[in-house]
Amino acid sequence: MGAKPKPRTVVIVALPGVQLLDVAGPLDVFAEANVQAGYPAYALFVAGVEPGPIRSSSGIRLMPDRIVDRDFQEPIDTLLVAGCPNAAEVPADGSVIDWLRRRASRTRRFGSVCSGAFFLAAAGLLDGRRVTTHWAVADMLASKFPSVTVDKDAIYITDGKLRTAAGVTAGLDLALALVEEDLGRDTAMKVASQLVMFFKRPGGQMQFTRKGEAVPAGRAALQELQRWVAANPSLDHSVASLATRMELSPRHFARLFRAEVGVTPATWVEEARVNAARRLLEFGNEAPKQVALHCGFADADTLRRAFNRHVGVTPAEYRKRFARITEVPARQH
């Protein structure tokens, strides 16, 4: 029997205010991979900014194994940056950014979990790359770092040696994908089975967004029109009919809507109708055909295509995962 390979060093950078599951989730996947592989395939470390406990966003404190820019003599195989709920607003520590810039280039692969992408972006490590992050801050990441292509639906993305994961629990999906890369499908499937998680999660992260109604934008008259559309999704909302309601020509209305709302009237109407369908699927028992009718879609197939575009799963799959649980009445004695 040949000698086992040396453990791959995995370092997760945890900054003050870190989301605990962004750290603990991936670590548990790698630790379970060690068990399933039957040898220490991974050596796991949490890196902090300074000595002493790292206070997480939930108040729980983590003790770092290493200190950024100080204790790392050994090479790093995989470097991940965990996210913080306020990562998008808080300026990143300059010394941490410099260290990430230096060390990432010397790793086999590097990446982020959730909003940890903001720290990599600040270091210039995402320029020209395709990445993902939590859907709630994806637009902010794209706006703040225009050279980065942000996919806000993906659960995780591989781009060369870069790996990025969406919000929180997606860190487990990413870690499992890394285990599959390193140790093969068999071991990764055993890890997924032991942790009771999907081997490949169905759908993207847009199925988890809670947008409610499409948010009205633009001048007051346009916002009033959008509220009316959202409240009456089954009516005719063609450009011509909406323009008539606004007492404008269709061409002028379409140009005004696009300029002030940022999307075409048809795109906004479809999003409003999909949101209405989500609510019916969550809280009702109507068949897809009825849901389509009540939300302004021509038929169930049109609903399915639009739903897949916006949510990433079919209406049937969405209902299965998110329908309200109806309580079973207590048996009378």
Protein backbone atom coordinates (compact mmCIF):
# COMPACT_ATOMS: atom_id res chain seq x y z
CA MET A 1 0.00 0.00 0.00
CA GLY A 2 1.48 3.36 -1.06
CA ALA A 3 2.01 6.29 1.26
CA LYS A 4 -0.92 8.65 1.68
CA PRO A 5 -0.50 12.10 0.12
CA LYS A 6 0.28 15.04 2.37
CA PRO A 7 -2.81 16.85 3.69
CA ARG A 8 -3.98 19.79 1.62
CA THR A 9 -3.90 22.96 3.72
CA VAL A 10 -7.29 24.70 3.74
CA VAL A 11 -7.42 28.18 5.27
CA ILE A 12 -10.66 30.06 5.91
CA VAL A 13 -10.21 33.75 6.66
CA ALA A 14 -12.69 34.90 9.31
CA LEU A 15 -12.90 38.66 9.83
CA PRO A 16 -14.68 40.43 12.72
CA GLY A 17 -18.47 40.03 12.39
CA VAL A 18 -18.09 36.89 10.28
CA GLN A 19 -21.15 34.74 9.51
CA LEU A 20 -20.46 31.63 11.58
CA LEU A 21 -21.89 29.13 9.10
CA ASP A 22 -19.64 30.53 6.34
CA VAL A 23 -16.74 29.14 8.37
CA ALA A 24 -18.21 26.11 10.15
CA GLY A 25 -20.12 24.74 7.15
CA PRO A 26 -17.17 24.26 4.80
CA LEU A 27 -14.94 23.08 7.67
CA ASP A 28 -17.43 20.33 8.53
CA VAL A 29 -17.50 19.18 4.90
CA PHE A 30 -13.70 18.97 4.74
CA ALA A 31 -13.53 17.28 8.16
CA GLU A 32 -16.08 14.67 7.06
CA ALA A 33 -14.06 14.13 3.88
CA ASN A 34 -11.11 13.19 6.10
CA VAL A 35 -13.30 10.59 7.81
CA GLN A 36 -14.68 9.17 4.57
CA ALA A 37 -11.28 9.12 2.87
CA GLY A 38 -9.80 7.23 5.83
CA TYR A 39 -6.79 9.53 6.14
CA PRO A 40 -6.18 13.27 6.77
CA ALA A 41 -6.75 14.58 3.26
CA TYR A 42 -7.13 18.13 4.61
CA ALA A 43 -5.41 20.17 7.31
CA LEU A 44 -7.90 22.85 8.39
CA PHE A 45 -7.16 26.32 9.73
CA VAL A 46 -9.16 29.44 10.61
CA ALA A 47 -7.22 32.66 10.10
CA GLY A 48 -7.99 35.85 12.04
CA VAL A 49 -6.75 39.43 11.79
CA GLU A 50 -5.26 39.52 15.29
CA PRO A 51 -4.75 37.20 18.26
CA GLY A 52 -7.76 36.48 20.42
CA PRO A 53 -11.39 35.50 19.76
CA ILE A 54 -13.18 36.55 16.56
CA ARG A 55 -16.70 37.71 17.38
CA SER A 56 -19.15 36.39 14.79
CA SER A 57 -22.37 38.10 13.67
CA SER A 58 -24.34 35.80 15.99
CA GLY A 59 -22.16 36.71 18.98
CA ILE A 60 -20.39 33.35 19.13
CA ARG A 61 -16.60 33.70 19.29
CA LEU A 62 -14.08 31.73 17.24
CA MET A 63 -10.44 31.20 18.18
CA PRO A 64 -8.18 31.56 15.12
CA ASP A 65 -5.50 28.96 14.44
CA ARG A 66 -3.37 31.44 12.52
CA ILE A 67 -3.03 35.21 12.20
CA VAL A 68 -3.16 36.79 8.76
CA ASP A 69 0.21 38.11 7.55
CA ARG A 70 2.04 36.66 10.52
CA ASP A 71 1.91 32.92 11.17
CA PHE A 72 1.85 31.32 7.72
CA GLN A 73 5.07 29.60 6.85
CA GLU A 74 3.48 26.56 5.17
CA PRO A 75 2.04 26.76 1.64
CA ILE A 76 -1.74 27.17 1.36
CA ASP A 77 -3.55 24.83 -1.02
CA THR A 78 -7.06 26.33 -0.71
CA LEU A 79 -7.76 29.83 0.60
CA LEU A 80 -11.37 30.88 1.26
CA VAL A 81 -12.69 34.16 2.66
CA ALA A 82 -15.86 33.88 4.74
CA GLY A 83 -18.57 36.52 4.48
CA CYS A 84 -19.87 39.07 6.98
CA PRO A 85 -23.40 40.53 6.96
CA ASN A 86 -21.92 44.04 6.69
CA ALA A 87 -19.11 43.23 4.25
CA ALA A 88 -20.64 45.39 1.53
CA GLU A 89 -20.62 48.54 3.70
CA VAL A 90 -17.51 48.19 5.88
CA PRO A 91 -14.14 49.19 4.34
CA ALA A 92 -11.81 46.22 4.23
CA ASP A 93 -8.67 46.23 6.39
CA GLY A 94 -5.76 47.26 4.15
CA SER A 95 -3.31 44.74 5.60
CA VAL A 96 -5.80 41.90 5.05
CA ILE A 97 -6.39 42.99 1.45
CA ASP A 98 -2.64 43.15 0.78
CA TRP A 99 -2.17 39.70 2.31
CA LEU A 100 -5.01 38.22 0.25
CA ARG A 101 -3.52 39.71 -2.91
CA ARG A 102 -0.12 38.18 -2.16
CA ARG A 103 -1.22 34.77 -0.90
CA ALA A 104 -3.99 34.08 -3.45
CA SER A 105 -1.49 34.13 -6.29
CA ARG A 106 0.52 31.41 -4.54
CA THR A 107 -2.36 29.03 -3.81
CA ARG A 108 -3.68 26.22 -5.96
CA ARG A 109 -7.15 27.75 -5.66
CA PHE A 110 -8.82 30.52 -3.73
CA GLY A 111 -12.30 31.91 -3.32
CA SER A 112 -15.07 33.21 -1.11
CA VAL A 113 -18.27 32.26 0.61
CA CYS A 114 -21.22 34.68 0.49
CA SER A 115 -20.17 38.34 0.86
CA GLY A 116 -16.53 37.32 1.31
CA ALA A 117 -16.40 38.15 -2.42
CA PHE A 118 -16.23 41.86 -1.50
CA PHE A 119 -12.83 41.36 0.16
CA LEU A 120 -11.44 39.51 -2.86
CA ALA A 121 -12.84 42.19 -5.15
CA ALA A 122 -11.20 44.91 -3.05
CA ALA A 123 -7.91 43.09 -3.57
CA GLY A 124 -8.43 43.14 -7.35
CA LEU A 125 -8.66 39.35 -7.43
CA LEU A 126 -12.06 39.27 -9.16
CA ASP A 127 -11.29 41.67 -12.01
CA GLY A 128 -12.45 40.20 -15.32
CA ARG A 129 -13.85 37.13 -13.54
CA ARG A 130 -17.31 35.59 -13.37
CA VAL A 131 -18.40 35.18 -9.74
CA THR A 132 -21.39 34.75 -7.47
CA THR A 133 -22.34 35.99 -4.02
CA HIS A 134 -25.50 36.23 -1.92
CA TRP A 135 -28.39 37.40 -4.10
CA ALA A 136 -29.18 40.27 -1.71
CA VAL A 137 -25.78 41.95 -2.30
CA ALA A 138 -25.08 40.77 -5.85
CA ASP A 139 -26.19 44.03 -7.49
CA MET A 140 -24.10 46.00 -4.99
CA LEU A 141 -21.01 43.93 -5.80
CA ALA A 142 -21.56 44.45 -9.54
CA SER A 143 -22.08 48.19 -9.05
CA LYS A 144 -19.08 48.68 -6.75
CA PHE A 145 -16.75 46.57 -8.92
CA PRO A 146 -17.87 46.99 -12.56
CA SER A 147 -15.00 44.87 -13.90
CA VAL A 148 -16.52 41.82 -12.16
CA THR A 149 -19.27 39.76 -13.82
CA VAL A 150 -21.75 38.76 -11.10
CA ASP A 151 -24.17 35.85 -11.54
CA LYS A 152 -26.71 36.27 -8.75
CA ASP A 153 -28.47 32.96 -9.40
CA ALA A 154 -25.53 30.54 -9.25
CA ILE A 155 -24.97 28.47 -6.09
CA TYR A 156 -21.22 28.39 -6.77
CA ILE A 157 -18.96 29.22 -9.70
CA THR A 158 -15.56 27.97 -10.85
CA ASP A 159 -13.46 30.39 -12.91
CA GLY A 160 -9.90 29.14 -13.31
CA LYS A 161 -8.40 28.82 -9.84
CA LEU A 162 -11.15 31.04 -8.40
CA ARG A 163 -14.17 29.55 -6.58
CA THR A 164 -17.07 31.66 -5.29
CA ALA A 165 -20.21 30.57 -3.46
CA ALA A 166 -23.58 32.21 -2.88
CA GLY A 167 -25.08 32.87 0.53
CA VAL A 168 -24.23 31.00 3.71
CA THR A 169 -25.27 27.35 3.20
CA ALA A 170 -23.89 27.51 -0.35
CA GLY A 171 -20.48 27.31 1.33
CA LEU A 172 -21.25 23.65 2.01
CA ASP A 173 -22.09 23.10 -1.67
CA LEU A 174 -18.81 24.72 -2.68
CA ALA A 175 -16.77 22.71 -0.18
CA LEU A 176 -18.41 19.49 -1.39
CA ALA A 177 -17.52 20.40 -4.99
CA LEU A 178 -13.91 20.93 -3.90
CA VAL A 179 -13.90 17.51 -2.20
CA GLU A 180 -15.18 15.98 -5.43
CA GLU A 181 -12.37 17.72 -7.35
CA ASP A 182 -9.75 16.37 -4.95
CA LEU A 183 -10.99 12.98 -3.78
CA GLY A 184 -13.50 11.93 -6.42
CA ARG A 185 -17.25 11.57 -6.75
CA ASP A 186 -17.50 8.51 -4.52
CA THR A 187 -16.01 10.19 -1.46
CA ALA A 188 -17.98 13.40 -2.07
CA MET A 189 -21.24 11.44 -2.26
CA LYS A 190 -20.44 9.70 1.03
CA VAL A 191 -19.80 13.10 2.63
CA ALA A 192 -23.12 14.44 1.32
CA SER A 193 -24.92 11.37 2.62
CA GLN A 194 -23.36 11.66 6.06
CA LEU A 195 -24.18 15.39 6.33
CA VAL A 196 -27.72 14.88 4.91
CA MET A 197 -27.20 17.46 2.15
CA PHE A 198 -27.79 17.53 -1.59
CA PHE A 199 -24.89 16.19 -3.64
CA LYS A 200 -25.95 18.69 -6.33
CA ARG A 201 -28.52 21.20 -5.11
CA PRO A 202 -31.42 21.57 -7.58
CA GLY A 203 -31.99 25.04 -9.00
CA GLY A 204 -30.18 28.28 -8.27
CA GLN A 205 -30.39 30.76 -5.41
CA MET A 206 -33.10 32.95 -6.97
CA GLN A 207 -35.68 30.45 -5.70
CA PHE A 208 -34.79 31.62 -2.18
CA THR A 209 -35.17 35.35 -2.77
CA ARG A 210 -38.03 37.03 -0.95
CA LYS A 211 -38.73 39.99 -3.20
CA GLY A 212 -42.47 40.16 -2.60
CA GLU A 213 -43.91 42.56 -5.16
CA ALA A 214 -41.73 43.96 -7.89
CA VAL A 215 -40.53 47.23 -6.36
CA PRO A 216 -42.13 50.35 -7.93
CA ALA A 217 -39.68 52.90 -9.28
CA GLY A 218 -39.68 56.15 -11.23
CA ARG A 219 -42.00 59.15 -10.93
CA ALA A 220 -45.14 58.96 -8.82
CA ALA A 221 -47.48 58.25 -11.76
CA LEU A 222 -45.32 55.35 -12.90
CA GLN A 223 -45.13 53.93 -9.38
CA GLU A 224 -48.91 54.09 -9.11
CA LEU A 225 -49.19 52.23 -12.41
CA GLN A 226 -46.78 49.54 -11.19
CA ARG A 227 -48.77 49.05 -7.97
CA TRP A 228 -51.93 48.66 -10.03
CA VAL A 229 -50.26 46.05 -12.28
CA ALA A 230 -49.02 44.09 -9.25
CA ALA A 231 -52.50 44.14 -7.70
CA ASN A 232 -54.16 43.05 -10.96
CA PRO A 233 -51.75 40.62 -12.65
CA SER A 234 -54.44 38.84 -14.69
CA LEU A 235 -55.46 41.93 -16.72
CA ASP A 236 -54.12 42.98 -20.12
CA HIS A 237 -50.83 44.77 -19.46
CA SER A 238 -49.56 45.27 -23.00
CA VAL A 239 -47.57 48.43 -23.71
CA ALA A 240 -50.57 49.83 -25.57
CA SER A 241 -52.97 49.29 -22.68
CA LEU A 242 -50.54 50.66 -20.08
CA ALA A 243 -49.79 53.68 -22.27
CA THR A 244 -53.51 54.37 -22.57
CA ARG A 245 -53.86 54.28 -18.80
CA MET A 246 -51.01 56.79 -18.53
CA GLU A 247 -52.53 58.89 -21.35
CA LEU A 248 -49.31 58.64 -23.37
CA SER A 249 -48.44 57.25 -26.78
CA PRO A 250 -47.10 53.67 -26.62
CA ARG A 251 -43.69 54.77 -27.92
CA HIS A 252 -43.35 57.64 -25.43
CA PHE A 253 -44.57 55.45 -22.56
CA ALA A 254 -42.15 52.60 -23.35
CA ARG A 255 -39.21 55.03 -23.57
CA LEU A 256 -40.19 56.80 -20.33
CA PHE A 257 -40.71 53.51 -18.45
CA ARG A 258 -37.35 52.10 -19.54
CA ALA A 259 -35.53 55.34 -18.65
CA GLU A 260 -37.03 55.68 -15.16
CA VAL A 261 -37.59 52.05 -14.07
CA GLY A 262 -34.53 50.52 -15.72
CA VAL A 263 -36.30 47.67 -17.55
CA THR A 264 -38.90 47.41 -20.29
CA PRO A 265 -42.60 47.38 -19.34
CA ALA A 266 -42.85 43.75 -20.52
CA THR A 267 -39.98 42.65 -18.28
CA TRP A 268 -41.45 44.42 -15.25
CA VAL A 269 -44.92 42.99 -15.86
CA GLU A 270 -43.53 39.46 -16.21
CA GLU A 271 -41.63 39.81 -12.93
CA ALA A 272 -44.77 41.09 -11.17
CA ARG A 273 -46.78 38.16 -12.53
CA VAL A 274 -44.13 35.63 -11.45
CA ASN A 275 -44.14 37.12 -7.94
CA ALA A 276 -47.93 36.78 -7.86
CA ALA A 277 -47.59 33.15 -8.98
CA ARG A 278 -45.05 32.49 -6.21
CA ARG A 279 -47.54 33.65 -3.60
CA LEU A 280 -50.31 31.45 -5.04
CA LEU A 281 -47.98 28.44 -5.16
CA GLU A 282 -46.92 28.98 -1.56
CA PHE A 283 -50.35 29.59 -0.05
CA GLY A 284 -52.86 27.93 -2.38
CA ASN A 285 -53.73 24.56 -3.81
CA GLU A 286 -54.67 25.61 -7.33
CA ALA A 287 -53.39 23.66 -10.32
CA PRO A 288 -50.72 25.35 -12.49
CA LYS A 289 -53.35 26.08 -15.12
CA GLN A 290 -55.42 28.11 -12.64
CA VAL A 291 -52.32 29.84 -11.25
CA ALA A 292 -51.38 30.83 -14.81
CA LEU A 293 -54.87 32.20 -15.48
CA HIS A 294 -54.99 34.26 -12.26
CA CYS A 295 -51.54 35.72 -12.89
CA GLY A 296 -52.02 36.75 -16.51
CA PHE A 297 -50.14 33.97 -18.30
CA ALA A 298 -51.65 32.48 -21.46
CA ASP A 299 -51.30 28.92 -20.18
CA ALA A 300 -49.40 26.70 -17.75
CA ASP A 301 -46.51 26.26 -20.21
CA THR A 302 -46.01 30.03 -20.52
CA LEU A 303 -46.04 30.28 -16.71
CA ARG A 304 -43.48 27.49 -16.45
CA ARG A 305 -41.06 29.16 -18.89
CA ALA A 306 -41.35 32.59 -17.22
CA PHE A 307 -41.06 31.04 -13.75
CA ASN A 308 -37.92 29.16 -14.77
CA ARG A 309 -36.37 32.35 -16.15
CA HIS A 310 -36.92 34.35 -12.96
CA VAL A 311 -36.77 31.72 -10.21
CA GLY A 312 -34.61 28.98 -11.73
CA VAL A 313 -37.01 26.09 -11.02
CA THR A 314 -40.41 25.00 -12.32
CA PRO A 315 -43.64 25.99 -10.53
CA ALA A 316 -44.12 22.36 -9.47
CA GLU A 317 -40.62 22.17 -7.95
CA TYR A 318 -41.13 25.51 -6.23
CA ARG A 319 -44.43 24.43 -4.67
CA LYS A 320 -42.87 21.20 -3.43
CA ARG A 321 -40.16 23.13 -1.57
CA PHE A 322 -41.96 26.25 -0.38
CA ALA A 323 -45.68 25.52 -0.05
CA ARG A 324 -47.14 26.38 3.33
CA ILE A 325 -47.60 23.32 5.55
CA THR A 326 -51.27 22.83 6.27
CA GLU A 327 -51.94 21.65 9.80
CA VAL A 328 -53.75 18.37 10.14
CA PRO A 329 -56.83 18.86 12.36
CA ALA A 330 -56.60 17.13 15.72
CA ARG A 331 -58.50 13.84 15.86
CA GLN A 332 -61.74 14.10 17.83
CA HIS A 333 -62.13 11.61 20.66
